[in-house]
Amino acid sequence: MHCNAMHRRNHEQCVSSDPGHNDPSGAAGPAGYHPTWGDMGGDSGGECGLPTSLRLGAPTERQTPGANGVWWNAVDVGLLHMVTLSAELDLSVGSKQYEWLVRHLETGFDRSRTPWLLLGVHRPLYNNEAYEGDYVVSEHLAQALEPVLRRFAVDAVLAGHYHSVLVTCPIAFGECADSASKGDRTRGGDRGLMGRGRGGASRYVEANLREQGVLRSSNTTSGAIRSTTFSQGKLRNLHARGLASSPNATIHYTIGSAGASLDDATLYAEPWRVDFFDDNFGYMRLNATANAVEMDFVRNDGGEVFHRLTIRKD
C-alpha cells in the first residue's frame, strides 16, 4: 500500500487496512470521509496520515483550542493569522471541523494584532481547470465556506491539488465582487471550455475590475514580473456607492506546482480567473506588512520571481 506522508492535508494517505480504527484524524466509520459528490478515490478510507501526524508538529490544544493536529489548526506568523483546514475531512456546515473554524475565528483571531487572515486548504474552492470531479468537489467546498469567508473577511485562500498556478479576481459568493448584479459573472451553468489560456484576464475582469481600479494585472513574456494587485479599499468604496456586491472579497490562489508533473488541461469558461500558468515548477514566498501582503511565485529553474500577487488594505 502506497503512503504519501509528505502532503500534510493531501488525499490518499494511508495507515492500515482498517482505517476506521486506526485513523488519527478521527474520520468516522470504517470507510472514512467519502461523500457521494467526492472524488477522493479508492484510498485507505479517509485521510489517515499516521506518518504525517507523528513526524510534523502542529499547534497544541492549549495554543489553539479544538484544533485537530495537522488536519485543522491555526497559528500566528508575524502579521499573518494562518488557518489550516482539511478538504479530505468533513467541512460541511455543522461538522466538527466547520464548527471549530467558526468558533476559532470568533474567539481566537485578533485582526488588530494580525491584520491578515489567510486560509490554507489542499483543494481549492475556485479553480476552473477542466477536471469535472475536482470541480464538483470545489463547488461543495465553496458552498460550505463562502459564508465564513464573508463574515470574517478572509483575505486569501491558498490551495494546491492542481499542479499549476491560478489567481482569481476578488470573489464574494461565486462572483467577482465589484459586480452589483449577478448577470453572467456567477459560477457554474454551461461552463464550456475556453482552451489552454496561458495567463491573461477574462473579458469581464478586463472590462470592469481594471476600469474601477480594484484589480491591476500585468501579464508579460518580456522577462518582467507578471503581477496582480487587489485594492481592498477601492472595493469598499465601490460597495459604499452601490457598485459592488460585497464590501469584502477573497482572492483564491492555487499554487500546486512544487513537485509532481505539471497539469496539461483545458479550462472551463469561468469569469473569475485572472491569471493561470502550468508551465513552471515553483513555490510561493510570502512577505507581509501592515498595509500589504505580497505572494511571489518563485520558479525552480533559476529562482527568479515569475508572478507577484499583492493584496493592499488601501
C-alpha atoms as a PDB file:
ATOM      1  CA  MET A   1       0.000   0.000   0.000  1.00  0.00           C
ATOM      2  CA  HIS A   2       1.410   3.377  -1.031  1.00  0.00           C
ATOM      3  CA  CYS A   3       1.641   6.110   1.574  1.00  0.00           C
ATOM      4  CA  ASN A   4       2.095   9.770   0.733  1.00  0.00           C
ATOM      5  CA  ALA A   5       3.236  11.285   4.001  1.00  0.00           C
ATOM      6  CA  MET A   6       4.671  14.459   2.551  1.00  0.00           C
ATOM      7  CA  HIS A   7       1.400  16.273   1.850  1.00  0.00           C
ATOM      8  CA  ARG A   8       0.024  17.244   5.207  1.00  0.00           C
ATOM      9  CA  ARG A   9      -3.578  17.529   4.116  1.00  0.00           C
ATOM     10  CA  ASN A  10      -3.410  15.690   0.806  1.00  0.00           C
ATOM     11  CA  HIS A  11      -5.658  12.886  -0.357  1.00  0.00           C
ATOM     12  CA  GLU A  12      -4.920   9.162  -0.460  1.00  0.00           C
ATOM     13  CA  GLN A  13      -2.836   8.954   2.684  1.00  0.00           C
ATOM     14  CA  CYS A  14      -2.856   5.567   4.338  1.00  0.00           C
ATOM     15  CA  VAL A  15      -2.067   3.872   7.590  1.00  0.00           C
ATOM     16  CA  SER A  16      -3.529   0.363   7.540  1.00  0.00           C
ATOM     17  CA  SER A  17      -6.276  -1.750   6.027  1.00  0.00           C
ATOM     18  CA  ASP A  18      -8.525  -0.868   8.953  1.00  0.00           C
ATOM     19  CA  PRO A  19      -8.802   2.948   8.826  1.00  0.00           C
ATOM     20  CA  GLY A  20     -11.941   3.078  10.929  1.00  0.00           C
ATOM     21  CA  HIS A  21      -9.947   2.021  13.958  1.00  0.00           C
ATOM     22  CA  ASN A  22      -6.520   3.459  13.143  1.00  0.00           C
ATOM     23  CA  ASP A  23      -7.219   6.873  11.706  1.00  0.00           C
ATOM     24  CA  PRO A  24      -5.579   9.511  13.937  1.00  0.00           C
ATOM     25  CA  SER A  25      -7.565  12.294  12.222  1.00  0.00           C
ATOM     26  CA  GLY A  26     -10.743  10.928  13.776  1.00  0.00           C
ATOM     27  CA  ALA A  27     -12.567  10.262  10.494  1.00  0.00           C
ATOM     28  CA  ALA A  28     -15.796   8.465  11.327  1.00  0.00           C
ATOM     29  CA  GLY A  29     -16.822   4.978  10.242  1.00  0.00           C
ATOM     30  CA  PRO A  30     -14.918   2.149   8.572  1.00  0.00           C
ATOM     31  CA  ALA A  31     -14.717   3.968   5.232  1.00  0.00           C
ATOM     32  CA  GLY A  32     -13.584   7.416   6.388  1.00  0.00           C
ATOM     33  CA  TYR A  33     -14.976  10.528   4.714  1.00  0.00           C
ATOM     34  CA  HIS A  34     -16.264   9.803   1.208  1.00  0.00           C
ATOM     35  CA  PRO A  35     -19.281  11.984   0.314  1.00  0.00           C
ATOM     36  CA  THR A  36     -21.308  10.992  -2.737  1.00  0.00           C
ATOM     37  CA  TRP A  37     -20.062  14.071  -4.627  1.00  0.00           C
ATOM     38  CA  GLY A  38     -16.415  13.490  -3.728  1.00  0.00           C
ATOM     39  CA  ASP A  39     -13.612  12.071  -5.856  1.00  0.00           C
ATOM     40  CA  MET A  40     -11.295  11.067  -3.037  1.00  0.00           C
ATOM     41  CA  GLY A  41     -10.645   7.745  -4.796  1.00  0.00           C
ATOM     42  CA  GLY A  42     -10.055   4.236  -3.554  1.00  0.00           C
ATOM     43  CA  ASP A  43      -7.597   5.162  -0.822  1.00  0.00           C
ATOM     44  CA  SER A  44      -7.408   3.773   2.688  1.00  0.00           C
ATOM     45  CA  GLY A  45     -10.828   5.094   3.605  1.00  0.00           C
ATOM     46  CA  GLY A  46     -10.001   8.658   4.547  1.00  0.00           C
ATOM     47  CA  GLU A  47      -7.108  10.936   5.333  1.00  0.00           C
ATOM     48  CA  CYS A  48      -5.300   8.764   7.838  1.00  0.00           C
ATOM     49  CA  GLY A  49      -1.848  10.316   7.713  1.00  0.00           C
ATOM     50  CA  LEU A  50      -0.286   8.437  10.619  1.00  0.00           C
ATOM     51  CA  PRO A  51       3.289   9.103   9.422  1.00  0.00           C
ATOM     52  CA  THR A  52       2.451  12.775   8.880  1.00  0.00           C
ATOM     53  CA  SER A  53       0.881  13.187  12.316  1.00  0.00           C
ATOM     54  CA  LEU A  54       3.913  11.646  14.010  1.00  0.00           C
ATOM     55  CA  ARG A  55       6.607  13.484  12.044  1.00  0.00           C
ATOM     56  CA  LEU A  56       5.188  17.009  11.686  1.00  0.00           C
ATOM     57  CA  GLY A  57       4.416  19.364  14.522  1.00  0.00           C
ATOM     58  CA  ALA A  58       1.139  21.253  14.934  1.00  0.00           C
ATOM     59  CA  PRO A  59      -0.285  23.813  17.374  1.00  0.00           C
ATOM     60  CA  THR A  60      -1.221  22.285  20.691  1.00  0.00           C
ATOM     61  CA  GLU A  61      -4.684  22.250  22.224  1.00  0.00           C
ATOM     62  CA  ARG A  62      -3.558  24.992  24.590  1.00  0.00           C
ATOM     63  CA  GLN A  63      -2.331  27.151  21.703  1.00  0.00           C
ATOM     64  CA  THR A  64      -5.409  26.574  19.536  1.00  0.00           C
ATOM     65  CA  PRO A  65      -8.334  25.084  21.475  1.00  0.00           C
ATOM     66  CA  GLY A  66     -10.239  22.480  19.484  1.00  0.00           C
ATOM     67  CA  ALA A  67      -7.522  22.044  16.860  1.00  0.00           C
ATOM     68  CA  ASN A  68      -7.081  18.579  15.381  1.00  0.00           C
ATOM     69  CA  GLY A  69      -3.353  18.079  14.957  1.00  0.00           C
ATOM     70  CA  VAL A  70      -2.063  18.579  11.421  1.00  0.00           C
ATOM     71  CA  TRP A  71      -5.567  18.371   9.944  1.00  0.00           C
ATOM     72  CA  TRP A  72      -7.057  21.623  11.177  1.00  0.00           C
ATOM     73  CA  ASN A  73      -5.325  24.237  13.260  1.00  0.00           C
ATOM     74  CA  ALA A  74      -4.316  27.902  13.337  1.00  0.00           C
ATOM     75  CA  VAL A  75      -1.142  29.811  14.064  1.00  0.00           C
ATOM     76  CA  ASP A  76       0.145  33.404  14.027  1.00  0.00           C
ATOM     77  CA  VAL A  77       3.184  34.025  11.829  1.00  0.00           C
ATOM     78  CA  GLY A  78       4.286  37.635  12.129  1.00  0.00           C
ATOM     79  CA  LEU A  79       1.404  39.771  10.837  1.00  0.00           C
ATOM     80  CA  LEU A  80      -0.426  36.728   9.433  1.00  0.00           C
ATOM     81  CA  HIS A  81      -3.067  34.556  11.030  1.00  0.00           C
ATOM     82  CA  MET A  82      -2.918  31.264   9.130  1.00  0.00           C
ATOM     83  CA  VAL A  83      -5.797  28.793   9.434  1.00  0.00           C
ATOM     84  CA  THR A  84      -5.258  25.293   8.072  1.00  0.00           C
ATOM     85  CA  LEU A  85      -8.174  23.052   7.080  1.00  0.00           C
ATOM     86  CA  SER A  86      -8.530  19.586   5.596  1.00  0.00           C
ATOM     87  CA  ALA A  87     -10.616  19.147   2.458  1.00  0.00           C
ATOM     88  CA  GLU A  88     -10.347  15.368   2.877  1.00  0.00           C
ATOM     89  CA  LEU A  89     -12.374  15.508   6.083  1.00  0.00           C
ATOM     90  CA  ASP A  90     -15.910  16.789   6.562  1.00  0.00           C
ATOM     91  CA  LEU A  91     -16.144  20.583   6.154  1.00  0.00           C
ATOM     92  CA  SER A  92     -19.902  20.803   5.714  1.00  0.00           C
ATOM     93  CA  VAL A  93     -21.990  23.133   7.861  1.00  0.00           C
ATOM     94  CA  GLY A  94     -22.371  21.579  11.295  1.00  0.00           C
ATOM     95  CA  SER A  95     -19.363  19.270  11.004  1.00  0.00           C
ATOM     96  CA  LYS A  96     -16.770  19.192  13.771  1.00  0.00           C
ATOM     97  CA  GLN A  97     -14.196  20.912  11.580  1.00  0.00           C
ATOM     98  CA  TYR A  98     -16.626  23.619  10.414  1.00  0.00           C
ATOM     99  CA  GLU A  99     -17.812  24.350  13.938  1.00  0.00           C
ATOM    100  CA  TRP A 100     -14.211  24.631  15.133  1.00  0.00           C
ATOM    101  CA  LEU A 101     -13.415  27.077  12.306  1.00  0.00           C
ATOM    102  CA  VAL A 102     -16.288  29.425  13.161  1.00  0.00           C
ATOM    103  CA  ARG A 103     -15.649  29.212  16.896  1.00  0.00           C
ATOM    104  CA  HIS A 104     -11.941  29.878  16.427  1.00  0.00           C
ATOM    105  CA  LEU A 105     -12.471  32.932  14.221  1.00  0.00           C
ATOM    106  CA  GLU A 106     -14.994  34.284  16.719  1.00  0.00           C
ATOM    107  CA  THR A 107     -12.712  33.920  19.719  1.00  0.00           C
ATOM    108  CA  GLY A 108      -9.137  33.178  18.629  1.00  0.00           C
ATOM    109  CA  PHE A 109      -8.441  35.761  15.937  1.00  0.00           C
ATOM    110  CA  ASP A 110      -7.491  39.376  16.635  1.00  0.00           C
ATOM    111  CA  ARG A 111      -7.092  41.458  13.466  1.00  0.00           C
ATOM    112  CA  SER A 112      -5.569  44.343  15.422  1.00  0.00           C
ATOM    113  CA  ARG A 113      -2.637  42.035  16.178  1.00  0.00           C
ATOM    114  CA  THR A 114      -2.538  40.068  12.900  1.00  0.00           C
ATOM    115  CA  PRO A 115      -4.142  42.210  10.164  1.00  0.00           C
ATOM    116  CA  TRP A 116      -4.056  39.447   7.554  1.00  0.00           C
ATOM    117  CA  LEU A 117      -6.277  36.373   7.675  1.00  0.00           C
ATOM    118  CA  LEU A 118      -5.293  33.541   5.333  1.00  0.00           C
ATOM    119  CA  LEU A 119      -6.905  30.141   4.972  1.00  0.00           C
ATOM    120  CA  GLY A 120      -4.927  27.148   3.681  1.00  0.00           C
ATOM    121  CA  VAL A 121      -6.576  24.017   2.327  1.00  0.00           C
ATOM    122  CA  HIS A 122      -5.342  21.344  -0.062  1.00  0.00           C
ATOM    123  CA  ARG A 123      -8.238  21.544  -2.528  1.00  0.00           C
ATOM    124  CA  PRO A 124      -9.212  24.983  -3.892  1.00  0.00           C
ATOM    125  CA  LEU A 125     -12.687  26.451  -3.660  1.00  0.00           C
ATOM    126  CA  TYR A 126     -12.303  28.108  -7.061  1.00  0.00           C
ATOM    127  CA  ASN A 127     -10.282  26.633  -9.913  1.00  0.00           C
ATOM    128  CA  ASN A 128     -11.517  26.236 -13.478  1.00  0.00           C
ATOM    129  CA  GLU A 129      -9.184  23.575 -14.814  1.00  0.00           C
ATOM    130  CA  ALA A 130     -11.341  21.085 -16.694  1.00  0.00           C
ATOM    131  CA  TYR A 131     -11.308  18.152 -14.288  1.00  0.00           C
ATOM    132  CA  GLU A 132     -15.002  17.508 -13.670  1.00  0.00           C
ATOM    133  CA  GLY A 133     -14.700  15.520 -10.451  1.00  0.00           C
ATOM    134  CA  ASP A 134     -12.392  18.033  -8.812  1.00  0.00           C
ATOM    135  CA  TYR A 135     -14.578  20.910  -9.973  1.00  0.00           C
ATOM    136  CA  VAL A 136     -17.647  19.388  -8.318  1.00  0.00           C
ATOM    137  CA  VAL A 137     -15.724  18.997  -5.057  1.00  0.00           C
ATOM    138  CA  SER A 138     -14.677  22.656  -5.221  1.00  0.00           C
ATOM    139  CA  GLU A 139     -18.308  23.719  -5.684  1.00  0.00           C
ATOM    140  CA  HIS A 140     -19.310  21.921  -2.489  1.00  0.00           C
ATOM    141  CA  LEU A 141     -16.376  23.375  -0.551  1.00  0.00           C
ATOM    142  CA  ALA A 142     -17.241  26.894  -1.721  1.00  0.00           C
ATOM    143  CA  GLN A 143     -20.906  26.447  -0.845  1.00  0.00           C
ATOM    144  CA  ALA A 144     -19.992  25.497   2.722  1.00  0.00           C
ATOM    145  CA  LEU A 145     -17.254  28.057   3.318  1.00  0.00           C
ATOM    146  CA  GLU A 146     -18.339  31.209   1.444  1.00  0.00           C
ATOM    147  CA  PRO A 147     -20.499  32.498   4.357  1.00  0.00           C
ATOM    148  CA  VAL A 148     -17.492  32.089   6.670  1.00  0.00           C
ATOM    149  CA  LEU A 149     -15.166  33.870   4.224  1.00  0.00           C
ATOM    150  CA  ARG A 150     -17.554  36.811   4.006  1.00  0.00           C
ATOM    151  CA  ARG A 151     -18.414  37.021   7.710  1.00  0.00           C
ATOM    152  CA  PHE A 152     -14.754  37.138   8.750  1.00  0.00           C
ATOM    153  CA  ALA A 153     -13.392  38.909   5.642  1.00  0.00           C
ATOM    154  CA  VAL A 154     -10.783  36.273   4.809  1.00  0.00           C
ATOM    155  CA  ASP A 155      -8.109  37.965   2.707  1.00  0.00           C
ATOM    156  CA  ALA A 156      -6.958  34.948   0.699  1.00  0.00           C
ATOM    157  CA  VAL A 157      -7.441  31.199   0.366  1.00  0.00           C
ATOM    158  CA  LEU A 158      -4.268  29.310  -0.538  1.00  0.00           C
ATOM    159  CA  ALA A 159      -4.634  25.881  -2.092  1.00  0.00           C
ATOM    160  CA  GLY A 160      -2.846  23.247  -4.146  1.00  0.00           C
ATOM    161  CA  HIS A 161      -4.135  19.953  -5.585  1.00  0.00           C
ATOM    162  CA  TYR A 162      -3.857  21.168  -9.194  1.00  0.00           C
ATOM    163  CA  HIS A 163      -0.280  21.119 -10.469  1.00  0.00           C
ATOM    164  CA  SER A 164      -0.409  24.665 -11.783  1.00  0.00           C
ATOM    165  CA  VAL A 165      -0.846  28.276 -10.632  1.00  0.00           C
ATOM    166  CA  LEU A 166      -4.179  30.132 -10.818  1.00  0.00           C
ATOM    167  CA  VAL A 167      -5.200  33.529  -9.432  1.00  0.00           C
ATOM    168  CA  THR A 168      -8.821  34.650  -9.219  1.00  0.00           C
ATOM    169  CA  CYS A 169     -10.419  38.061  -9.059  1.00  0.00           C
ATOM    170  CA  PRO A 170     -11.635  39.079  -5.566  1.00  0.00           C
ATOM    171  CA  ILE A 171     -14.595  36.715  -5.147  1.00  0.00           C
ATOM    172  CA  ALA A 172     -17.688  37.027  -2.964  1.00  0.00           C
ATOM    173  CA  PHE A 173     -20.343  34.301  -3.190  1.00  0.00           C
ATOM    174  CA  GLY A 174     -19.137  32.972  -6.522  1.00  0.00           C
ATOM    175  CA  GLU A 175     -18.722  36.193  -8.460  1.00  0.00           C
ATOM    176  CA  CYS A 176     -16.195  38.950  -8.965  1.00  0.00           C
ATOM    177  CA  ALA A 177     -17.056  41.236  -6.080  1.00  0.00           C
ATOM    178  CA  ASP A 178     -17.221  44.530  -7.947  1.00  0.00           C
ATOM    179  CA  SER A 179     -20.387  43.310  -9.642  1.00  0.00           C
ATOM    180  CA  ALA A 180     -23.542  44.945  -8.308  1.00  0.00           C
ATOM    181  CA  SER A 181     -25.701  42.457 -10.219  1.00  0.00           C
ATOM    182  CA  LYS A 182     -25.464  38.721 -10.889  1.00  0.00           C
ATOM    183  CA  GLY A 183     -25.555  38.585 -14.681  1.00  0.00           C
ATOM    184  CA  ASP A 184     -23.224  36.091 -16.339  1.00  0.00           C
ATOM    185  CA  ARG A 185     -20.452  36.575 -13.779  1.00  0.00           C
ATOM    186  CA  THR A 186     -21.502  33.884 -11.351  1.00  0.00           C
ATOM    187  CA  ARG A 187     -20.059  30.442 -11.164  1.00  0.00           C
ATOM    188  CA  GLY A 188     -21.346  27.344 -12.901  1.00  0.00           C
ATOM    189  CA  GLY A 189     -24.029  26.986 -15.545  1.00  0.00           C
ATOM    190  CA  ASP A 190     -22.939  25.891 -19.000  1.00  0.00           C
ATOM    191  CA  ARG A 191     -19.223  26.256 -18.389  1.00  0.00           C
ATOM    192  CA  GLY A 192     -17.961  25.251 -21.814  1.00  0.00           C
ATOM    193  CA  LEU A 193     -14.235  25.197 -22.496  1.00  0.00           C
ATOM    194  CA  MET A 194     -12.001  28.152 -23.166  1.00  0.00           C
ATOM    195  CA  GLY A 195      -8.900  26.342 -24.381  1.00  0.00           C
ATOM    196  CA  ARG A 196      -5.455  26.468 -22.889  1.00  0.00           C
ATOM    197  CA  GLY A 197      -5.219  30.037 -21.635  1.00  0.00           C
ATOM    198  CA  ARG A 198      -1.668  30.857 -20.602  1.00  0.00           C
ATOM    199  CA  GLY A 199      -2.452  33.823 -18.398  1.00  0.00           C
ATOM    200  CA  GLY A 200      -4.497  36.893 -19.221  1.00  0.00           C
ATOM    201  CA  ALA A 201      -7.661  38.051 -17.522  1.00  0.00           C
ATOM    202  CA  SER A 202     -11.161  37.086 -18.560  1.00  0.00           C
ATOM    203  CA  ARG A 203     -13.222  39.532 -20.609  1.00  0.00           C
ATOM    204  CA  TYR A 204     -15.216  40.681 -17.581  1.00  0.00           C
ATOM    205  CA  VAL A 205     -12.167  41.279 -15.432  1.00  0.00           C
ATOM    206  CA  GLU A 206     -10.557  43.298 -18.219  1.00  0.00           C
ATOM    207  CA  ALA A 207     -13.663  45.462 -18.709  1.00  0.00           C
ATOM    208  CA  ASN A 208     -14.621  46.117 -15.093  1.00  0.00           C
ATOM    209  CA  LEU A 209     -12.112  45.303 -12.383  1.00  0.00           C
ATOM    210  CA  ARG A 210      -9.313  47.198 -14.076  1.00  0.00           C
ATOM    211  CA  GLU A 211     -11.559  50.081 -15.050  1.00  0.00           C
ATOM    212  CA  GLN A 212     -12.627  50.582 -11.428  1.00  0.00           C
ATOM    213  CA  GLY A 213      -9.071  50.278 -10.128  1.00  0.00           C
ATOM    214  CA  VAL A 214      -9.929  47.357  -7.838  1.00  0.00           C
ATOM    215  CA  LEU A 215      -7.590  44.990  -9.644  1.00  0.00           C
ATOM    216  CA  ARG A 216      -4.483  45.503 -11.735  1.00  0.00           C
ATOM    217  CA  SER A 217      -2.996  42.648 -13.731  1.00  0.00           C
ATOM    218  CA  SER A 218       0.129  42.658 -15.853  1.00  0.00           C
ATOM    219  CA  ASN A 219       0.981  39.571 -17.908  1.00  0.00           C
ATOM    220  CA  THR A 220       4.230  39.761 -19.817  1.00  0.00           C
ATOM    221  CA  THR A 221       6.689  37.494 -21.577  1.00  0.00           C
ATOM    222  CA  SER A 222       9.461  40.101 -21.737  1.00  0.00           C
ATOM    223  CA  GLY A 223      11.191  38.949 -18.578  1.00  0.00           C
ATOM    224  CA  ALA A 224       9.440  41.377 -16.219  1.00  0.00           C
ATOM    225  CA  ILE A 225       7.444  40.013 -13.280  1.00  0.00           C
ATOM    226  CA  ARG A 226       3.816  39.185 -14.031  1.00  0.00           C
ATOM    227  CA  SER A 227       1.686  40.837 -11.382  1.00  0.00           C
ATOM    228  CA  THR A 228      -1.795  41.010  -9.909  1.00  0.00           C
ATOM    229  CA  THR A 229      -2.752  43.694  -7.364  1.00  0.00           C
ATOM    230  CA  PHE A 230      -6.029  43.858  -5.420  1.00  0.00           C
ATOM    231  CA  SER A 231      -7.076  47.026  -3.553  1.00  0.00           C
ATOM    232  CA  GLN A 232      -9.454  46.271  -0.681  1.00  0.00           C
ATOM    233  CA  GLY A 233     -10.005  49.979  -0.019  1.00  0.00           C
ATOM    234  CA  LYS A 234     -11.220  50.652  -3.550  1.00  0.00           C
ATOM    235  CA  LEU A 235     -13.603  47.703  -3.320  1.00  0.00           C
ATOM    236  CA  ARG A 236     -15.075  49.122  -0.092  1.00  0.00           C
ATOM    237  CA  ASN A 237     -15.534  52.476  -1.798  1.00  0.00           C
ATOM    238  CA  LEU A 238     -17.335  50.840  -4.713  1.00  0.00           C
ATOM    239  CA  HIS A 239     -19.634  48.999  -2.303  1.00  0.00           C
ATOM    240  CA  ALA A 240     -20.462  52.241  -0.490  1.00  0.00           C
ATOM    241  CA  ARG A 241     -21.538  53.700  -3.848  1.00  0.00           C
ATOM    242  CA  GLY A 242     -23.684  50.660  -4.659  1.00  0.00           C
ATOM    243  CA  LEU A 243     -21.279  49.474  -7.359  1.00  0.00           C
ATOM    244  CA  ALA A 244     -20.088  46.271  -5.695  1.00  0.00           C
ATOM    245  CA  SER A 245     -21.911  43.263  -4.340  1.00  0.00           C
ATOM    246  CA  SER A 246     -19.792  42.979  -1.186  1.00  0.00           C
ATOM    247  CA  PRO A 247     -17.557  45.259   0.910  1.00  0.00           C
ATOM    248  CA  ASN A 248     -15.006  42.465   1.227  1.00  0.00           C
ATOM    249  CA  ALA A 249     -13.864  39.667  -1.052  1.00  0.00           C
ATOM    250  CA  THR A 250     -11.319  36.872  -1.114  1.00  0.00           C
ATOM    251  CA  ILE A 251      -8.537  36.163  -3.601  1.00  0.00           C
ATOM    252  CA  HIS A 252      -8.230  32.424  -4.290  1.00  0.00           C
ATOM    253  CA  TYR A 253      -4.688  31.427  -5.130  1.00  0.00           C
ATOM    254  CA  THR A 254      -3.917  27.895  -6.322  1.00  0.00           C
ATOM    255  CA  ILE A 255      -0.206  27.137  -6.233  1.00  0.00           C
ATOM    256  CA  GLY A 256       0.433  23.432  -6.624  1.00  0.00           C
ATOM    257  CA  SER A 257       3.400  23.125  -8.964  1.00  0.00           C
ATOM    258  CA  ALA A 258       6.168  22.454  -6.481  1.00  0.00           C
ATOM    259  CA  GLY A 259       6.972  18.879  -7.404  1.00  0.00           C
ATOM    260  CA  ALA A 260       4.686  16.444  -9.234  1.00  0.00           C
ATOM    261  CA  SER A 261       4.230  16.550 -13.010  1.00  0.00           C
ATOM    262  CA  LEU A 262       2.589  19.727 -14.273  1.00  0.00           C
ATOM    263  CA  ASP A 263      -1.023  19.821 -15.453  1.00  0.00           C
ATOM    264  CA  ASP A 264      -1.989  19.809 -19.095  1.00  0.00           C
ATOM    265  CA  ALA A 265      -5.683  20.654 -19.038  1.00  0.00           C
ATOM    266  CA  THR A 266      -8.107  22.977 -20.758  1.00  0.00           C
ATOM    267  CA  LEU A 267     -10.079  25.495 -18.694  1.00  0.00           C
ATOM    268  CA  TYR A 268     -13.771  25.887 -18.021  1.00  0.00           C
ATOM    269  CA  ALA A 269     -15.065  29.277 -19.147  1.00  0.00           C
ATOM    270  CA  GLU A 270     -15.394  30.880 -15.721  1.00  0.00           C
ATOM    271  CA  PRO A 271     -15.155  34.675 -15.478  1.00  0.00           C
ATOM    272  CA  TRP A 272     -13.197  34.895 -12.253  1.00  0.00           C
ATOM    273  CA  ARG A 273      -9.825  33.635 -13.500  1.00  0.00           C
ATOM    274  CA  VAL A 274      -7.294  36.465 -13.680  1.00  0.00           C
ATOM    275  CA  ASP A 275      -4.059  34.589 -14.342  1.00  0.00           C
ATOM    276  CA  PHE A 276      -3.113  30.981 -14.999  1.00  0.00           C
ATOM    277  CA  PHE A 277       0.019  29.125 -15.963  1.00  0.00           C
ATOM    278  CA  ASP A 278       1.014  25.484 -15.821  1.00  0.00           C
ATOM    279  CA  ASP A 279       4.417  25.516 -17.488  1.00  0.00           C
ATOM    280  CA  ASN A 280       6.614  26.316 -14.473  1.00  0.00           C
ATOM    281  CA  PHE A 281       7.636  24.396 -11.378  1.00  0.00           C
ATOM    282  CA  GLY A 282       7.953  26.649  -8.341  1.00  0.00           C
ATOM    283  CA  TYR A 283       6.907  27.652  -4.864  1.00  0.00           C
ATOM    284  CA  MET A 284       5.383  30.630  -3.055  1.00  0.00           C
ATOM    285  CA  ARG A 285       7.312  33.160  -0.970  1.00  0.00           C
ATOM    286  CA  LEU A 286       5.230  35.498   1.179  1.00  0.00           C
ATOM    287  CA  ASN A 287       6.002  38.900   2.701  1.00  0.00           C
ATOM    288  CA  ALA A 288       3.551  40.934   4.795  1.00  0.00           C
ATOM    289  CA  THR A 289       3.400  44.476   6.152  1.00  0.00           C
ATOM    290  CA  ALA A 290       0.506  46.159   7.936  1.00  0.00           C
ATOM    291  CA  ASN A 291      -0.822  47.522   4.637  1.00  0.00           C
ATOM    292  CA  ALA A 292       0.106  44.913   2.048  1.00  0.00           C
ATOM    293  CA  VAL A 293       0.855  41.246   1.602  1.00  0.00           C
ATOM    294  CA  GLU A 294       2.935  40.020  -1.347  1.00  0.00           C
ATOM    295  CA  MET A 295       2.871  36.430  -2.553  1.00  0.00           C
ATOM    296  CA  ASP A 296       5.640  35.650  -5.025  1.00  0.00           C
ATOM    297  CA  PHE A 297       5.673  32.602  -7.261  1.00  0.00           C
ATOM    298  CA  VAL A 298       9.366  31.687  -7.478  1.00  0.00           C
ATOM    299  CA  ARG A 299      10.488  29.470 -10.337  1.00  0.00           C
ATOM    300  CA  ASN A 300      12.570  26.416  -9.516  1.00  0.00           C
ATOM    301  CA  ASP A 301      14.804  26.897 -12.561  1.00  0.00           C
ATOM    302  CA  GLY A 302      16.817  29.956 -11.661  1.00  0.00           C
ATOM    303  CA  GLY A 303      14.969  31.092  -8.554  1.00  0.00           C
ATOM    304  CA  GLU A 304      13.550  34.285 -10.052  1.00  0.00           C
ATOM    305  CA  VAL A 305      10.120  35.705  -9.218  1.00  0.00           C
ATOM    306  CA  PHE A 306       7.753  34.898 -12.097  1.00  0.00           C
ATOM    307  CA  HIS A 307       4.467  36.246 -10.683  1.00  0.00           C
ATOM    308  CA  ARG A 308       3.604  38.560  -7.772  1.00  0.00           C
ATOM    309  CA  LEU A 309       0.164  38.746  -6.148  1.00  0.00           C
ATOM    310  CA  THR A 310      -0.277  41.829  -3.961  1.00  0.00           C
ATOM    311  CA  ILE A 311      -3.282  42.485  -1.705  1.00  0.00           C
ATOM    312  CA  ARG A 312      -3.449  46.014  -0.297  1.00  0.00           C
ATOM    313  CA  LYS A 313      -5.525  47.416   2.551  1.00  0.00           C
ATOM    314  CA  ASP A 314      -5.844  50.863   0.957  1.00  0.00           C
END
